[in-house]
Amino acid sequence: MQAKNSSLQTGNFFRESQFPKDKTFPEIFSGLFESDNLVIERITSNGQTTPGDEWLEENFNEWVLLLQGESKIKLLSGEEYMIQSGDYLFIPANTKHRVEFTSSKPGCIWLAIHYK
């Protein structure tokens, strides 16, 4: 939603959340703010996991807050994090990780902040 002042934006994080139909569809990434060194996005999951033996690795820091649902994140080092609503996780740049589980009832709503 656009505010009256065209340089301002407003919206509702939860009402505007859309979920993938089921785990066969990809997660939905919704950009909320972006600048040269910062990206803020909402991610919605509905049973999605990282495919096969793939590992995610970003060239920026990632801080995620799970606002709804449950998830399990695994690092290549073997550490595992069971994350529930209200939990957050900081993943340093170039850390290999994967999503082992996301709940579908309820679906997961994440706030993700990526920065250099």
PDB file of N, CA and C in Angstrom:
ATOM      1  N   MET A   1       0.847  -1.177   0.000  1.00  0.00           N
ATOM      2  CA  MET A   1       0.000   0.000   0.000  1.00  0.00           C
ATOM      3  C   MET A   1       0.891   1.238   0.000  1.00  0.00           C
ATOM      4  N   GLN A   2       0.577   2.182  -0.796  1.00  0.00           N
ATOM      5  CA  GLN A   2       1.348   3.420  -0.890  1.00  0.00           C
ATOM      6  C   GLN A   2       0.700   4.493  -0.019  1.00  0.00           C
ATOM      7  N   ALA A   3       1.489   5.185   0.785  1.00  0.00           N
ATOM      8  CA  ALA A   3       0.978   6.278   1.612  1.00  0.00           C
ATOM      9  C   ALA A   3       0.716   7.500   0.735  1.00  0.00           C
ATOM     10  N   LYS A   4       0.022   8.500   1.283  1.00  0.00           N
ATOM     11  CA  LYS A   4      -0.289   9.718   0.520  1.00  0.00           C
ATOM     12  C   LYS A   4       0.974  10.423   0.067  1.00  0.00           C
ATOM     13  N   ASN A   5       1.978  10.497   0.937  1.00  0.00           N
ATOM     14  CA  ASN A   5       3.271  11.061   0.558  1.00  0.00           C
ATOM     15  C   ASN A   5       3.986   9.984  -0.258  1.00  0.00           C
ATOM     16  N   SER A   6       4.256  10.232  -1.520  1.00  0.00           N
ATOM     17  CA  SER A   6       4.772   9.188  -2.411  1.00  0.00           C
ATOM     18  C   SER A   6       6.116   8.619  -1.988  1.00  0.00           C
ATOM     19  N   SER A   7       6.839   9.265  -1.083  1.00  0.00           N
ATOM     20  CA  SER A   7       8.118   8.716  -0.636  1.00  0.00           C
ATOM     21  C   SER A   7       7.944   7.771   0.553  1.00  0.00           C
ATOM     22  N   LEU A   8       6.744   7.677   1.097  1.00  0.00           N
ATOM     23  CA  LEU A   8       6.474   6.786   2.222  1.00  0.00           C
ATOM     24  C   LEU A   8       5.714   5.558   1.742  1.00  0.00           C
ATOM     25  N   GLN A   9       5.918   4.451   2.433  1.00  0.00           N
ATOM     26  CA  GLN A   9       5.165   3.235   2.144  1.00  0.00           C
ATOM     27  C   GLN A   9       4.611   2.692   3.439  1.00  0.00           C
ATOM     28  N   THR A  10       3.455   2.083   3.356  1.00  0.00           N
ATOM     29  CA  THR A  10       2.845   1.458   4.516  1.00  0.00           C
ATOM     30  C   THR A  10       2.147   0.181   4.064  1.00  0.00           C
ATOM     31  N   GLY A  11       1.905  -0.716   4.959  1.00  0.00           N
ATOM     32  CA  GLY A  11       1.235  -1.964   4.628  1.00  0.00           C
ATOM     33  C   GLY A  11       1.036  -2.779   5.882  1.00  0.00           C
ATOM     34  N   ASN A  12       0.506  -3.967   5.730  1.00  0.00           N
ATOM     35  CA  ASN A  12       0.332  -4.876   6.857  1.00  0.00           C
ATOM     36  C   ASN A  12       1.044  -6.171   6.539  1.00  0.00           C
ATOM     37  N   PHE A  13       2.056  -6.464   7.329  1.00  0.00           N
ATOM     38  CA  PHE A  13       2.933  -7.606   7.108  1.00  0.00           C
ATOM     39  C   PHE A  13       2.151  -8.915   7.038  1.00  0.00           C
ATOM     40  N   PHE A  14       1.161  -9.084   7.916  1.00  0.00           N
ATOM     41  CA  PHE A  14       0.425 -10.344   7.984  1.00  0.00           C
ATOM     42  C   PHE A  14      -0.703 -10.422   6.953  1.00  0.00           C
ATOM     43  N   ARG A  15      -1.486  -9.378   6.799  1.00  0.00           N
ATOM     44  CA  ARG A  15      -2.610  -9.414   5.851  1.00  0.00           C
ATOM     45  C   ARG A  15      -2.126  -9.557   4.414  1.00  0.00           C
ATOM     46  N   GLU A  16      -0.946  -9.036   4.129  1.00  0.00           N
ATOM     47  CA  GLU A  16      -0.427  -9.093   2.766  1.00  0.00           C
ATOM     48  C   GLU A  16       0.365 -10.377   2.489  1.00  0.00           C
ATOM     49  N   SER A  17       0.476 -11.253   3.480  1.00  0.00           N
ATOM     50  CA  SER A  17       1.215 -12.503   3.300  1.00  0.00           C
ATOM     51  C   SER A  17       0.429 -13.469   2.427  1.00  0.00           C
ATOM     52  N   GLN A  18       1.097 -14.022   1.437  1.00  0.00           N
ATOM     53  CA  GLN A  18       0.520 -15.064   0.605  1.00  0.00           C
ATOM     54  C   GLN A  18       1.400 -16.291   0.753  1.00  0.00           C
ATOM     55  N   PHE A  19       0.791 -17.469   0.761  1.00  0.00           N
ATOM     56  CA  PHE A  19       1.535 -18.704   0.950  1.00  0.00           C
ATOM     57  C   PHE A  19       1.566 -19.524  -0.333  1.00  0.00           C
ATOM     58  N   PRO A  20       2.673 -20.257  -0.538  1.00  0.00           N
ATOM     59  CA  PRO A  20       2.686 -21.200  -1.653  1.00  0.00           C
ATOM     60  C   PRO A  20       1.546 -22.210  -1.463  1.00  0.00           C
ATOM     61  N   LYS A  21       0.976 -22.684  -2.561  1.00  0.00           N
ATOM     62  CA  LYS A  21      -0.158 -23.607  -2.490  1.00  0.00           C
ATOM     63  C   LYS A  21       0.190 -24.845  -1.648  1.00  0.00           C
ATOM     64  N   ASP A  22       1.357 -25.404  -1.863  1.00  0.00           N
ATOM     65  CA  ASP A  22       1.839 -26.542  -1.063  1.00  0.00           C
ATOM     66  C   ASP A  22       3.347 -26.641  -1.248  1.00  0.00           C
ATOM     67  N   LYS A  23       3.954 -27.692  -0.683  1.00  0.00           N
ATOM     68  CA  LYS A  23       5.423 -27.788  -0.684  1.00  0.00           C
ATOM     69  C   LYS A  23       6.031 -28.013  -2.065  1.00  0.00           C
ATOM     70  N   THR A  24       5.207 -28.306  -3.081  1.00  0.00           N
ATOM     71  CA  THR A  24       5.751 -28.477  -4.427  1.00  0.00           C
ATOM     72  C   THR A  24       5.993 -27.135  -5.117  1.00  0.00           C
ATOM     73  N   PHE A  25       5.468 -26.050  -4.541  1.00  0.00           N
ATOM     74  CA  PHE A  25       5.680 -24.705  -5.077  1.00  0.00           C
ATOM     75  C   PHE A  25       6.831 -24.049  -4.316  1.00  0.00           C
ATOM     76  N   PRO A  26       7.547 -23.106  -4.929  1.00  0.00           N
ATOM     77  CA  PRO A  26       8.652 -22.440  -4.209  1.00  0.00           C
ATOM     78  C   PRO A  26       8.135 -21.476  -3.136  1.00  0.00           C
ATOM     79  N   GLU A  27       9.012 -21.183  -2.176  1.00  0.00           N
ATOM     80  CA  GLU A  27       8.699 -20.160  -1.186  1.00  0.00           C
ATOM     81  C   GLU A  27       8.400 -18.854  -1.919  1.00  0.00           C
ATOM     82  N   ILE A  28       7.686 -17.951  -1.234  1.00  0.00           N
ATOM     83  CA  ILE A  28       7.386 -16.654  -1.830  1.00  0.00           C
ATOM     84  C   ILE A  28       8.219 -15.594  -1.123  1.00  0.00           C
ATOM     85  N   PHE A  29       9.028 -14.875  -1.903  1.00  0.00           N
ATOM     86  CA  PHE A  29       9.883 -13.808  -1.391  1.00  0.00           C
ATOM     87  C   PHE A  29       9.262 -12.474  -1.807  1.00  0.00           C
ATOM     88  N   SER A  30       8.931 -11.639  -0.822  1.00  0.00           N
ATOM     89  CA  SER A  30       8.323 -10.338  -1.103  1.00  0.00           C
ATOM     90  C   SER A  30       9.252  -9.244  -0.603  1.00  0.00           C
ATOM     91  N   GLY A  31       9.799  -8.468  -1.522  1.00  0.00           N
ATOM     92  CA  GLY A  31      10.698  -7.382  -1.152  1.00  0.00           C
ATOM     93  C   GLY A  31       9.941  -6.254  -0.472  1.00  0.00           C
ATOM     94  N   LEU A  32      10.450  -5.815   0.669  1.00  0.00           N
ATOM     95  CA  LEU A  32       9.826  -4.730   1.415  1.00  0.00           C
ATOM     96  C   LEU A  32      10.648  -3.454   1.349  1.00  0.00           C
ATOM     97  N   PHE A  33      11.984  -3.601   1.290  1.00  0.00           N
ATOM     98  CA  PHE A  33      12.875  -2.449   1.223  1.00  0.00           C
ATOM     99  C   PHE A  33      14.204  -2.916   0.665  1.00  0.00           C
ATOM    100  N   GLU A  34      14.822  -2.055  -0.160  1.00  0.00           N
ATOM    101  CA  GLU A  34      16.136  -2.395  -0.699  1.00  0.00           C
ATOM    102  C   GLU A  34      16.957  -1.132  -0.884  1.00  0.00           C
ATOM    103  N   SER A  35      18.221  -1.209  -0.471  1.00  0.00           N
ATOM    104  CA  SER A  35      19.201  -0.161  -0.735  1.00  0.00           C
ATOM    105  C   SER A  35      20.491  -0.856  -1.153  1.00  0.00           C
ATOM    106  N   ASP A  36      21.577  -0.089  -1.309  1.00  0.00           N
ATOM    107  CA  ASP A  36      22.836  -0.677  -1.772  1.00  0.00           C
ATOM    108  C   ASP A  36      23.326  -1.818  -0.888  1.00  0.00           C
ATOM    109  N   ASN A  37      23.189  -1.684   0.427  1.00  0.00           N
ATOM    110  CA  ASN A  37      23.765  -2.667   1.353  1.00  0.00           C
ATOM    111  C   ASN A  37      22.741  -3.355   2.239  1.00  0.00           C
ATOM    112  N   LEU A  38      21.445  -3.197   1.933  1.00  0.00           N
ATOM    113  CA  LEU A  38      20.411  -3.730   2.811  1.00  0.00           C
ATOM    114  C   LEU A  38      19.206  -4.179   2.000  1.00  0.00           C
ATOM    115  N   VAL A  39      18.713  -5.378   2.299  1.00  0.00           N
ATOM    116  CA  VAL A  39      17.471  -5.883   1.711  1.00  0.00           C
ATOM    117  C   VAL A  39      16.623  -6.426   2.849  1.00  0.00           C
ATOM    118  N   ILE A  40      15.364  -6.000   2.901  1.00  0.00           N
ATOM    119  CA  ILE A  40      14.413  -6.510   3.888  1.00  0.00           C
ATOM    120  C   ILE A  40      13.288  -7.168   3.100  1.00  0.00           C
ATOM    121  N   GLU A  41      12.967  -8.417   3.475  1.00  0.00           N
ATOM    122  CA  GLU A  41      11.927  -9.118   2.754  1.00  0.00           C
ATOM    123  C   GLU A  41      11.095 -10.002   3.674  1.00  0.00           C
ATOM    124  N   ARG A  42       9.911 -10.305   3.191  1.00  0.00           N
ATOM    125  CA  ARG A  42       9.048 -11.285   3.852  1.00  0.00           C
ATOM    126  C   ARG A  42       9.177 -12.573   3.042  1.00  0.00           C
ATOM    127  N   ILE A  43       9.341 -13.691   3.740  1.00  0.00           N
ATOM    128  CA  ILE A  43       9.392 -14.993   3.085  1.00  0.00           C
ATOM    129  C   ILE A  43       8.254 -15.822   3.662  1.00  0.00           C
ATOM    130  N   THR A  44       7.465 -16.440   2.794  1.00  0.00           N
ATOM    131  CA  THR A  44       6.426 -17.337   3.276  1.00  0.00           C
ATOM    132  C   THR A  44       6.718 -18.746   2.766  1.00  0.00           C
ATOM    133  N   SER A  45       6.568 -19.704   3.673  1.00  0.00           N
ATOM    134  CA  SER A  45       6.839 -21.109   3.389  1.00  0.00           C
ATOM    135  C   SER A  45       5.617 -21.927   3.779  1.00  0.00           C
ATOM    136  N   ASN A  46       5.458 -23.052   3.100  1.00  0.00           N
ATOM    137  CA  ASN A  46       4.337 -23.935   3.378  1.00  0.00           C
ATOM    138  C   ASN A  46       4.800 -25.379   3.167  1.00  0.00           C
ATOM    139  N   GLY A  47       5.763 -25.801   3.986  1.00  0.00           N
ATOM    140  CA  GLY A  47       6.316 -27.144   3.859  1.00  0.00           C
ATOM    141  C   GLY A  47       7.572 -27.231   3.012  1.00  0.00           C
ATOM    142  N   GLN A  48       8.077 -26.114   2.499  1.00  0.00           N
ATOM    143  CA  GLN A  48       9.261 -26.133   1.632  1.00  0.00           C
ATOM    144  C   GLN A  48      10.524 -26.499   2.417  1.00  0.00           C
ATOM    145  N   THR A  49      11.452 -27.142   1.722  1.00  0.00           N
ATOM    146  CA  THR A  49      12.780 -27.451   2.256  1.00  0.00           C
ATOM    147  C   THR A  49      13.796 -27.191   1.156  1.00  0.00           C
ATOM    148  N   THR A  50      15.066 -27.146   1.527  1.00  0.00           N
ATOM    149  CA  THR A  50      16.133 -27.028   0.528  1.00  0.00           C
ATOM    150  C   THR A  50      16.245 -28.374  -0.181  1.00  0.00           C
ATOM    151  N   PRO A  51      16.213 -28.401  -1.505  1.00  0.00           N
ATOM    152  CA  PRO A  51      16.221 -29.661  -2.251  1.00  0.00           C
ATOM    153  C   PRO A  51      17.476 -30.505  -2.028  1.00  0.00           C
ATOM    154  N   GLY A  52      17.276 -31.827  -1.997  1.00  0.00           N
ATOM    155  CA  GLY A  52      18.360 -32.810  -1.984  1.00  0.00           C
ATOM    156  C   GLY A  52      19.510 -32.479  -1.053  1.00  0.00           C
ATOM    157  N   ASP A  53      20.703 -32.575  -1.591  1.00  0.00           N
ATOM    158  CA  ASP A  53      21.912 -32.280  -0.814  1.00  0.00           C
ATOM    159  C   ASP A  53      22.423 -30.876  -1.109  1.00  0.00           C
ATOM    160  N   GLU A  54      21.553 -29.969  -1.576  1.00  0.00           N
ATOM    161  CA  GLU A  54      21.958 -28.598  -1.866  1.00  0.00           C
ATOM    162  C   GLU A  54      22.200 -27.832  -0.569  1.00  0.00           C
ATOM    163  N   TRP A  55      23.089 -26.845  -0.669  1.00  0.00           N
ATOM    164  CA  TRP A  55      23.361 -25.948   0.457  1.00  0.00           C
ATOM    165  C   TRP A  55      23.198 -24.519  -0.030  1.00  0.00           C
ATOM    166  N   LEU A  56      22.579 -23.702   0.777  1.00  0.00           N
ATOM    167  CA  LEU A  56      22.442 -22.281   0.472  1.00  0.00           C
ATOM    168  C   LEU A  56      23.674 -21.564   0.998  1.00  0.00           C
ATOM    169  N   GLU A  57      24.173 -20.606   0.246  1.00  0.00           N
ATOM    170  CA  GLU A  57      25.328 -19.817   0.687  1.00  0.00           C
ATOM    171  C   GLU A  57      25.209 -18.433   0.079  1.00  0.00           C
ATOM    172  N   GLU A  58      25.082 -17.437   0.910  1.00  0.00           N
ATOM    173  CA  GLU A  58      24.914 -16.062   0.461  1.00  0.00           C
ATOM    174  C   GLU A  58      26.201 -15.272   0.704  1.00  0.00           C
ATOM    175  N   ASN A  59      26.438 -14.247  -0.097  1.00  0.00           N
ATOM    176  CA  ASN A  59      27.626 -13.420   0.093  1.00  0.00           C
ATOM    177  C   ASN A  59      27.312 -12.196   0.965  1.00  0.00           C
ATOM    178  N   PHE A  60      26.240 -12.293   1.753  1.00  0.00           N
ATOM    179  CA  PHE A  60      25.864 -11.231   2.683  1.00  0.00           C
ATOM    180  C   PHE A  60      25.368 -11.867   3.975  1.00  0.00           C
ATOM    181  N   ASN A  61      25.356 -11.098   5.048  1.00  0.00           N
ATOM    182  CA  ASN A  61      24.815 -11.564   6.325  1.00  0.00           C
ATOM    183  C   ASN A  61      23.300 -11.657   6.214  1.00  0.00           C
ATOM    184  N   GLU A  62      22.734 -12.604   6.939  1.00  0.00           N
ATOM    185  CA  GLU A  62      21.280 -12.777   6.924  1.00  0.00           C
ATOM    186  C   GLU A  62      20.788 -12.941   8.358  1.00  0.00           C
ATOM    187  N   TRP A  63      19.826 -12.116   8.729  1.00  0.00           N
ATOM    188  CA  TRP A  63      19.175 -12.203  10.037  1.00  0.00           C
ATOM    189  C   TRP A  63      17.718 -12.493   9.762  1.00  0.00           C
ATOM    190  N   VAL A  64      17.208 -13.603  10.305  1.00  0.00           N
ATOM    191  CA  VAL A  64      15.820 -13.974  10.071  1.00  0.00           C
ATOM    192  C   VAL A  64      15.070 -14.088  11.388  1.00  0.00           C
ATOM    193  N   LEU A  65      13.811 -13.675  11.351  1.00  0.00           N
ATOM    194  CA  LEU A  65      12.899 -13.774  12.488  1.00  0.00           C
ATOM    195  C   LEU A  65      11.688 -14.542  12.001  1.00  0.00           C
ATOM    196  N   LEU A  66      11.371 -15.647  12.685  1.00  0.00           N
ATOM    197  CA  LEU A  66      10.193 -16.423  12.320  1.00  0.00           C
ATOM    198  C   LEU A  66       9.009 -15.886  13.111  1.00  0.00           C
ATOM    199  N   LEU A  67       8.067 -15.290  12.407  1.00  0.00           N
ATOM    200  CA  LEU A  67       6.907 -14.675  13.050  1.00  0.00           C
ATOM    201  C   LEU A  67       5.746 -15.645  13.220  1.00  0.00           C
ATOM    202  N   GLN A  68       5.711 -16.684  12.396  1.00  0.00           N
ATOM    203  CA  GLN A  68       4.646 -17.682  12.490  1.00  0.00           C
ATOM    204  C   GLN A  68       5.187 -19.007  12.002  1.00  0.00           C
ATOM    205  N   GLY A  69       4.818 -20.099  12.664  1.00  0.00           N
ATOM    206  CA  GLY A  69       5.192 -21.438  12.229  1.00  0.00           C
ATOM    207  C   GLY A  69       6.414 -21.979  12.950  1.00  0.00           C
ATOM    208  N   GLU A  70       6.959 -23.048  12.385  1.00  0.00           N
ATOM    209  CA  GLU A  70       8.149 -23.715  12.917  1.00  0.00           C
ATOM    210  C   GLU A  70       9.050 -24.106  11.753  1.00  0.00           C
ATOM    211  N   SER A  71      10.350 -24.169  12.026  1.00  0.00           N
ATOM    212  CA  SER A  71      11.307 -24.519  10.985  1.00  0.00           C
ATOM    213  C   SER A  71      12.546 -25.148  11.616  1.00  0.00           C
ATOM    214  N   LYS A  72      13.292 -25.837  10.794  1.00  0.00           N
ATOM    215  CA  LYS A  72      14.572 -26.401  11.226  1.00  0.00           C
ATOM    216  C   LYS A  72      15.616 -25.998  10.195  1.00  0.00           C
ATOM    217  N   ILE A  73      16.683 -25.357  10.670  1.00  0.00           N
ATOM    218  CA  ILE A  73      17.794 -24.927   9.818  1.00  0.00           C
ATOM    219  C   ILE A  73      19.025 -25.724  10.214  1.00  0.00           C
ATOM    220  N   LYS A  74      19.740 -26.213   9.228  1.00  0.00           N
ATOM    221  CA  LYS A  74      20.963 -26.984   9.476  1.00  0.00           C
ATOM    222  C   LYS A  74      22.136 -26.294   8.799  1.00  0.00           C
ATOM    223  N   LEU A  75      23.261 -26.202   9.515  1.00  0.00           N
ATOM    224  CA  LEU A  75      24.496 -25.666   8.949  1.00  0.00           C
ATOM    225  C   LEU A  75      25.361 -26.818   8.455  1.00  0.00           C
ATOM    226  N   LEU A  76      26.226 -26.552   7.492  1.00  0.00           N
ATOM    227  CA  LEU A  76      27.130 -27.575   6.967  1.00  0.00           C
ATOM    228  C   LEU A  76      27.995 -28.144   8.088  1.00  0.00           C
ATOM    229  N   SER A  77      28.291 -27.340   9.099  1.00  0.00           N
ATOM    230  CA  SER A  77      29.099 -27.785  10.237  1.00  0.00           C
ATOM    231  C   SER A  77      28.395 -28.843  11.077  1.00  0.00           C
ATOM    232  N   GLY A  78      27.094 -29.055  10.837  1.00  0.00           N
ATOM    233  CA  GLY A  78      26.334 -30.051  11.585  1.00  0.00           C
ATOM    234  C   GLY A  78      25.394 -29.461  12.631  1.00  0.00           C
ATOM    235  N   GLU A  79      25.570 -28.188  12.949  1.00  0.00           N
ATOM    236  CA  GLU A  79      24.679 -27.550  13.919  1.00  0.00           C
ATOM    237  C   GLU A  79      23.270 -27.482  13.343  1.00  0.00           C
ATOM    238  N   GLU A  80      22.275 -27.736  14.200  1.00  0.00           N
ATOM    239  CA  GLU A  80      20.878 -27.657  13.791  1.00  0.00           C
ATOM    240  C   GLU A  80      20.132 -26.729  14.740  1.00  0.00           C
ATOM    241  N   TYR A  81      19.200 -25.966  14.171  1.00  0.00           N
ATOM    242  CA  TYR A  81      18.425 -25.014  14.953  1.00  0.00           C
ATOM    243  C   TYR A  81      16.946 -25.236  14.689  1.00  0.00           C
ATOM    244  N   MET A  82      16.219 -25.644  15.726  1.00  0.00           N
ATOM    245  CA  MET A  82      14.768 -25.750  15.644  1.00  0.00           C
ATOM    246  C   MET A  82      14.237 -24.374  16.000  1.00  0.00           C
ATOM    247  N   ILE A  83      13.538 -23.745  15.081  1.00  0.00           N
ATOM    248  CA  ILE A  83      13.085 -22.368  15.243  1.00  0.00           C
ATOM    249  C   ILE A  83      11.563 -22.355  15.335  1.00  0.00           C
ATOM    250  N   GLN A  84      11.060 -21.656  16.337  1.00  0.00           N
ATOM    251  CA  GLN A  84       9.618 -21.516  16.525  1.00  0.00           C
ATOM    252  C   GLN A  84       9.244 -20.047  16.444  1.00  0.00           C
ATOM    253  N   SER A  85       7.945 -19.771  16.392  1.00  0.00           N
ATOM    254  CA  SER A  85       7.467 -18.386  16.317  1.00  0.00           C
ATOM    255  C   SER A  85       8.151 -17.528  17.366  1.00  0.00           C
ATOM    256  N   GLY A  86       8.709 -16.411  16.926  1.00  0.00           N
ATOM    257  CA  GLY A  86       9.399 -15.484  17.814  1.00  0.00           C
ATOM    258  C   GLY A  86      10.896 -15.682  17.875  1.00  0.00           C
ATOM    259  N   ASP A  87      11.399 -16.810  17.391  1.00  0.00           N
ATOM    260  CA  ASP A  87      12.841 -17.072  17.395  1.00  0.00           C
ATOM    261  C   ASP A  87      13.506 -16.394  16.199  1.00  0.00           C
ATOM    262  N   TYR A  88      14.753 -15.968  16.392  1.00  0.00           N
ATOM    263  CA  TYR A  88      15.521 -15.392  15.296  1.00  0.00           C
ATOM    264  C   TYR A  88      16.854 -16.107  15.188  1.00  0.00           C
ATOM    265  N   LEU A  89      17.478 -15.973  14.026  1.00  0.00           N
ATOM    266  CA  LEU A  89      18.753 -16.625  13.746  1.00  0.00           C
ATOM    267  C   LEU A  89      19.588 -15.695  12.882  1.00  0.00           C
ATOM    268  N   PHE A  90      20.851 -15.520  13.240  1.00  0.00           N
ATOM    269  CA  PHE A  90      21.809 -14.760  12.444  1.00  0.00           C
ATOM    270  C   PHE A  90      22.679 -15.756  11.705  1.00  0.00           C
ATOM    271  N   ILE A  91      22.743 -15.625  10.385  1.00  0.00           N
ATOM    272  CA  ILE A  91      23.571 -16.493   9.551  1.00  0.00           C
ATOM    273  C   ILE A  91      24.631 -15.610   8.893  1.00  0.00           C
ATOM    274  N   PRO A  92      25.893 -15.723   9.317  1.00  0.00           N
ATOM    275  CA  PRO A  92      26.954 -14.890   8.726  1.00  0.00           C
ATOM    276  C   PRO A  92      27.129 -15.177   7.231  1.00  0.00           C
ATOM    277  N   ALA A  93      27.610 -14.189   6.518  1.00  0.00           N
ATOM    278  CA  ALA A  93      27.890 -14.340   5.085  1.00  0.00           C
ATOM    279  C   ALA A  93      28.760 -15.567   4.847  1.00  0.00           C
ATOM    280  N   ASN A  94      28.510 -16.236   3.732  1.00  0.00           N
ATOM    281  CA  ASN A  94      29.286 -17.400   3.277  1.00  0.00           C
ATOM    282  C   ASN A  94      29.186 -18.603   4.210  1.00  0.00           C
ATOM    283  N   THR A  95      28.108 -18.694   4.980  1.00  0.00           N
ATOM    284  CA  THR A  95      27.857 -19.855   5.831  1.00  0.00           C
ATOM    285  C   THR A  95      26.908 -20.790   5.089  1.00  0.00           C
ATOM    286  N   LYS A  96      27.358 -21.989   4.800  1.00  0.00           N
ATOM    287  CA  LYS A  96      26.507 -22.946   4.097  1.00  0.00           C
ATOM    288  C   LYS A  96      25.450 -23.460   5.062  1.00  0.00           C
ATOM    289  N   HIS A  97      24.188 -23.401   4.586  1.00  0.00           N
ATOM    290  CA  HIS A  97      23.067 -23.822   5.425  1.00  0.00           C
ATOM    291  C   HIS A  97      21.945 -24.348   4.533  1.00  0.00           C
ATOM    292  N   ARG A  98      20.990 -25.014   5.166  1.00  0.00           N
ATOM    293  CA  ARG A  98      19.841 -25.528   4.431  1.00  0.00           C
ATOM    294  C   ARG A  98      18.607 -25.536   5.322  1.00  0.00           C
ATOM    295  N   VAL A  99      17.456 -25.475   4.694  1.00  0.00           N
ATOM    296  CA  VAL A  99      16.197 -25.546   5.407  1.00  0.00           C
ATOM    297  C   VAL A  99      15.763 -27.011   5.389  1.00  0.00           C
ATOM    298  N   GLU A 100      15.717 -27.613   6.567  1.00  0.00           N
ATOM    299  CA  GLU A 100      15.367 -29.024   6.692  1.00  0.00           C
ATOM    300  C   GLU A 100      13.858 -29.234   6.826  1.00  0.00           C
ATOM    301  N   PHE A 101      13.150 -28.214   7.343  1.00  0.00           N
ATOM    302  CA  PHE A 101      11.726 -28.352   7.607  1.00  0.00           C
ATOM    303  C   PHE A 101      11.090 -26.979   7.725  1.00  0.00           C
ATOM    304  N   THR A 102       9.885 -26.814   7.188  1.00  0.00           N
ATOM    305  CA  THR A 102       9.029 -25.670   7.489  1.00  0.00           C
ATOM    306  C   THR A 102       7.613 -26.205   7.678  1.00  0.00           C
ATOM    307  N   SER A 103       6.909 -25.670   8.660  1.00  0.00           N
ATOM    308  CA  SER A 103       5.553 -26.141   8.937  1.00  0.00           C
ATOM    309  C   SER A 103       4.588 -25.651   7.863  1.00  0.00           C
ATOM    310  N   SER A 104       3.498 -26.398   7.729  1.00  0.00           N
ATOM    311  CA  SER A 104       2.450 -25.978   6.801  1.00  0.00           C
ATOM    312  C   SER A 104       1.160 -25.630   7.535  1.00  0.00           C
ATOM    313  N   LYS A 105       1.032 -26.022   8.770  1.00  0.00           N
ATOM    314  CA  LYS A 105      -0.141 -25.679   9.578  1.00  0.00           C
ATOM    315  C   LYS A 105       0.343 -25.248  10.949  1.00  0.00           C
ATOM    316  N   PRO A 106       0.618 -23.989  11.173  1.00  0.00           N
ATOM    317  CA  PRO A 106       0.459 -22.904  10.208  1.00  0.00           C
ATOM    318  C   PRO A 106       1.677 -22.792   9.291  1.00  0.00           C
ATOM    319  N   GLY A 107       1.473 -22.130   8.175  1.00  0.00           N
ATOM    320  CA  GLY A 107       2.581 -21.824   7.282  1.00  0.00           C
ATOM    321  C   GLY A 107       3.552 -20.876   7.965  1.00  0.00           C
ATOM    322  N   CYS A 108       4.773 -20.803   7.468  1.00  0.00           N
ATOM    323  CA  CYS A 108       5.806 -19.951   8.063  1.00  0.00           C
ATOM    324  C   CYS A 108       5.791 -18.560   7.433  1.00  0.00           C
ATOM    325  N   ILE A 109       5.905 -17.551   8.292  1.00  0.00           N
ATOM    326  CA  ILE A 109       6.083 -16.176   7.851  1.00  0.00           C
ATOM    327  C   ILE A 109       7.383 -15.679   8.469  1.00  0.00           C
ATOM    328  N   TRP A 110       8.331 -15.322   7.625  1.00  0.00           N
ATOM    329  CA  TRP A 110       9.661 -14.878   8.041  1.00  0.00           C
ATOM    330  C   TRP A 110       9.852 -13.400   7.730  1.00  0.00           C
ATOM    331  N   LEU A 111      10.583 -12.711   8.589  1.00  0.00           N
ATOM    332  CA  LEU A 111      11.134 -11.397   8.282  1.00  0.00           C
ATOM    333  C   LEU A 111      12.624 -11.628   8.093  1.00  0.00           C
ATOM    334  N   ALA A 112      13.132 -11.322   6.912  1.00  0.00           N
ATOM    335  CA  ALA A 112      14.551 -11.549   6.604  1.00  0.00           C
ATOM    336  C   ALA A 112      15.234 -10.224   6.311  1.00  0.00           C
ATOM    337  N   ILE A 113      16.377 -10.031   6.946  1.00  0.00           N
ATOM    338  CA  ILE A 113      17.181  -8.837   6.712  1.00  0.00           C
ATOM    339  C   ILE A 113      18.543  -9.283   6.220  1.00  0.00           C
ATOM    340  N   HIS A 114      18.910  -8.836   5.019  1.00  0.00           N
ATOM    341  CA  HIS A 114      20.184  -9.189   4.393  1.00  0.00           C
ATOM    342  C   HIS A 114      21.025  -7.920   4.328  1.00  0.00           C
ATOM    343  N   TYR A 115      22.280  -8.017   4.757  1.00  0.00           N
ATOM    344  CA  TYR A 115      23.148  -6.833   4.714  1.00  0.00           C
ATOM    345  C   TYR A 115      24.597  -7.242   4.546  1.00  0.00           C
ATOM    346  N   LYS A 116      25.404  -6.284   4.076  1.00  0.00           N
ATOM    347  CA  LYS A 116      26.838  -6.544   3.895  1.00  0.00           C
ATOM    348  C   LYS A 116      27.599  -6.118   5.116  1.00  0.00           C
TER     349      LYS A 116
END
